[in-house]
C-alpha cells in the first residue's frame, strides 16, 4: 500500500456524524489519535485559544503604545498611526515567529493534547498577525476618514 493511500484512507472511510466537521471524523480507532491531534479535542485546544487571545491583545497594546509615543513626540495623527504600526511590526513579528517555532517543536515532539495545543497556537498566531496588523490598520483608516478626529482617543 502506497503512502498516498495510507494518508487518504481515514478521509475515504469516514461516515457522517452529527458533529462539526463530521465528514472528516474517522470511523475506526486506528485513526482517532490523528483526528484528536489535528483537531485538538480537549484541554490543549482551550489553552491554545487562551494563549492566542493573550497574544492578540499584546499585539494591539504594542501598536497603540507606539502610536501614543509618536503623538507625545509631536507628530500628526496620521503620521503617529503610520509610525505606530511600522515601529510595532518588528516586535510583533519577532514574538509571533518565536511562537510559531515553539508550536512546530511541540507538534513534532509532543503527543495528544500537546499536539492539539501546538496546532491551535499556530493557527491562532497566524490569524492574530493578520488581524492585528492588516485588519486593525484598515479599520483605523476607515474610522479616521469617517470621524476626522482632532486627537486620538488613546492619547
Protein backbone atom coordinates (compact mmCIF):
# COMPACT_ATOMS: atom_id res chain seq x y z
CA UNK A 1 0.00 0.00 0.00
CA UNK A 2 1.45 3.36 -1.04
CA UNK A 3 1.93 6.41 1.11
CA UNK A 4 -0.89 8.28 -0.64
CA UNK A 5 -3.44 5.60 0.11
CA UNK A 6 -2.34 5.49 3.76
CA UNK A 7 -2.90 9.24 4.03
CA UNK A 8 -6.26 9.19 2.27
CA UNK A 9 -7.69 6.11 3.99
CA UNK A 10 -9.04 7.98 7.06
CA UNK A 11 -10.84 10.50 4.84
CA UNK A 12 -12.23 7.95 2.40
CA UNK A 13 -13.56 5.65 5.14
CA UNK A 14 -15.42 8.35 7.07
CA UNK A 15 -19.07 8.28 7.97
CA UNK A 16 -21.35 11.22 8.60
CA UNK A 17 -21.89 12.01 12.27
CA UNK A 18 -23.84 14.93 13.76
CA UNK A 19 -20.78 16.89 14.93
CA UNK A 20 -18.88 19.82 13.43
CA UNK A 21 -16.52 18.66 10.70
CA UNK A 22 -18.34 15.32 10.80
CA UNK A 23 -17.35 14.32 7.30
CA UNK A 24 -13.70 14.22 8.40
CA UNK A 25 -14.14 12.18 11.60
CA UNK A 26 -12.64 8.68 11.16
CA UNK A 27 -14.72 5.57 11.80
CA UNK A 28 -12.02 3.32 13.21
CA UNK A 29 -9.98 3.84 16.35
CA UNK A 30 -6.76 3.43 14.37
CA UNK A 31 -7.02 6.99 13.09
CA UNK A 32 -8.80 8.64 16.01
CA UNK A 33 -5.46 9.68 17.51
CA UNK A 34 -4.64 11.54 14.31
CA UNK A 35 -8.04 13.22 14.47
CA UNK A 36 -7.51 14.29 18.07
CA UNK A 37 -4.05 15.64 17.30
CA UNK A 38 -5.17 17.68 14.30
CA UNK A 39 -8.48 18.95 15.63
CA UNK A 40 -7.28 19.17 19.21
CA UNK A 41 -10.17 17.98 21.29
CA UNK A 42 -9.56 18.69 24.95
CA UNK A 43 -7.66 20.94 27.29
CA UNK A 44 -4.78 21.57 24.88
CA UNK A 45 -7.10 23.38 22.48
CA UNK A 46 -8.60 25.51 25.23
CA UNK A 47 -5.13 26.51 26.45
CA UNK A 48 -4.10 27.34 22.87
CA UNK A 49 -7.16 29.55 22.42
CA UNK A 50 -6.46 31.40 25.67
CA UNK A 51 -2.83 31.99 24.73
CA UNK A 52 -3.90 33.15 21.26
CA UNK A 53 -6.24 35.69 22.82
CA UNK A 54 -3.41 36.97 25.01
CA UNK A 55 -1.09 37.29 22.01
CA UNK A 56 -3.75 39.24 20.10
CA UNK A 57 -4.23 41.66 22.99
CA UNK A 58 -0.45 42.06 23.30
CA UNK A 59 -0.08 42.96 19.62
CA UNK A 60 -2.77 45.61 19.81
CA UNK A 61 -1.33 47.06 23.02
CA UNK A 62 2.08 47.33 21.34
CA UNK A 63 0.59 49.15 18.36
CA UNK A 64 -1.40 51.61 20.46
CA UNK A 65 1.52 52.33 22.80
CA UNK A 66 3.76 53.10 19.83
CA UNK A 67 1.06 55.43 18.49
CA UNK A 68 0.85 57.16 21.85
CA UNK A 69 4.65 57.60 21.91
CA UNK A 70 4.55 59.18 18.46
CA UNK A 71 1.75 61.55 19.49
CA UNK A 72 3.76 62.63 22.53
CA UNK A 73 6.70 63.30 20.22
CA UNK A 74 4.53 65.85 18.38
CA UNK A 75 3.62 64.01 15.20
CA UNK A 76 0.31 64.44 13.43
CA UNK A 77 -2.43 61.85 13.87
CA UNK A 78 -1.84 60.16 10.52
CA UNK A 79 1.94 60.14 10.99
CA UNK A 80 1.52 58.74 14.52
CA UNK A 81 -0.78 55.97 13.29
CA UNK A 82 1.60 55.06 10.46
CA UNK A 83 4.69 55.16 12.67
CA UNK A 84 2.90 53.19 15.40
CA UNK A 85 2.18 50.31 13.06
CA UNK A 86 5.60 50.35 11.42
CA UNK A 87 7.52 50.57 14.73
CA UNK A 88 5.46 47.81 16.35
CA UNK A 89 5.79 45.47 13.37
CA UNK A 90 9.28 44.25 14.27
CA UNK A 91 8.32 43.38 17.83
CA UNK A 92 5.08 41.69 16.76
CA UNK A 93 6.80 39.61 14.10
CA UNK A 94 9.61 38.62 16.48
CA UNK A 95 7.18 37.42 19.14
CA UNK A 96 4.95 35.57 16.70
CA UNK A 97 7.79 33.85 14.85
CA UNK A 98 9.03 32.64 18.23
CA UNK A 99 5.53 31.30 18.99
CA UNK A 100 5.38 29.53 15.61
CA UNK A 101 8.78 27.91 16.16
CA UNK A 102 7.77 26.69 19.61
CA UNK A 103 4.46 25.39 18.20
CA UNK A 104 6.34 23.47 15.49
CA UNK A 105 8.66 21.93 18.08
CA UNK A 106 5.74 20.96 20.32
CA UNK A 107 3.84 19.46 17.40
CA UNK A 108 6.83 17.38 16.31
CA UNK A 109 7.88 16.18 19.77
CA UNK A 110 4.57 16.13 21.65
CA UNK A 111 1.60 13.82 21.62
CA UNK A 112 -2.12 14.07 22.35
CA UNK A 113 -3.15 17.37 23.94
CA UNK A 114 0.28 18.88 23.33
CA UNK A 115 -0.19 18.47 19.59
CA UNK A 116 -3.68 19.97 19.85
CA UNK A 117 -2.24 22.91 21.78
CA UNK A 118 0.52 23.40 19.19
CA UNK A 119 -1.93 23.20 16.28
CA UNK A 120 -4.33 25.68 17.88
CA UNK A 121 -1.48 28.01 18.81
CA UNK A 122 -0.06 28.01 15.27
CA UNK A 123 -3.42 28.77 13.65
CA UNK A 124 -4.12 31.42 16.29
CA UNK A 125 -0.76 33.12 15.80
CA UNK A 126 -1.27 33.32 12.03
CA UNK A 127 -4.76 34.76 12.38
CA UNK A 128 -3.59 37.15 15.10
CA UNK A 129 -0.82 38.57 12.94
CA UNK A 130 -3.27 39.03 10.08
CA UNK A 131 -5.92 40.69 12.22
CA UNK A 132 -3.61 42.82 14.39
CA UNK A 133 -1.59 44.19 11.51
CA UNK A 134 -3.85 44.35 8.48
CA UNK A 135 -7.43 44.40 9.75
CA UNK A 136 -6.77 46.83 12.61
CA UNK A 137 -4.92 49.20 10.31
CA UNK A 138 -7.76 49.18 7.77
CA UNK A 139 -10.38 49.70 10.48
CA UNK A 140 -8.45 52.63 11.95
CA UNK A 141 -8.10 54.20 8.49
CA UNK A 142 -11.85 53.86 7.88
CA UNK A 143 -12.59 55.33 11.30
CA UNK A 144 -10.23 58.23 10.67
CA UNK A 145 -11.85 59.04 7.31
CA UNK A 146 -15.35 58.91 8.80
CA UNK A 147 -14.74 60.73 12.09
CA UNK A 148 -11.92 63.17 11.18
CA UNK A 149 -10.79 63.46 14.83
CA UNK A 150 -8.57 66.27 16.07
CA UNK A 151 -6.85 63.92 18.55
CA UNK A 152 -6.73 60.18 19.02
CA UNK A 153 -8.76 58.85 21.98
CA UNK A 154 -5.74 56.82 23.14
CA UNK A 155 -3.53 59.86 23.72
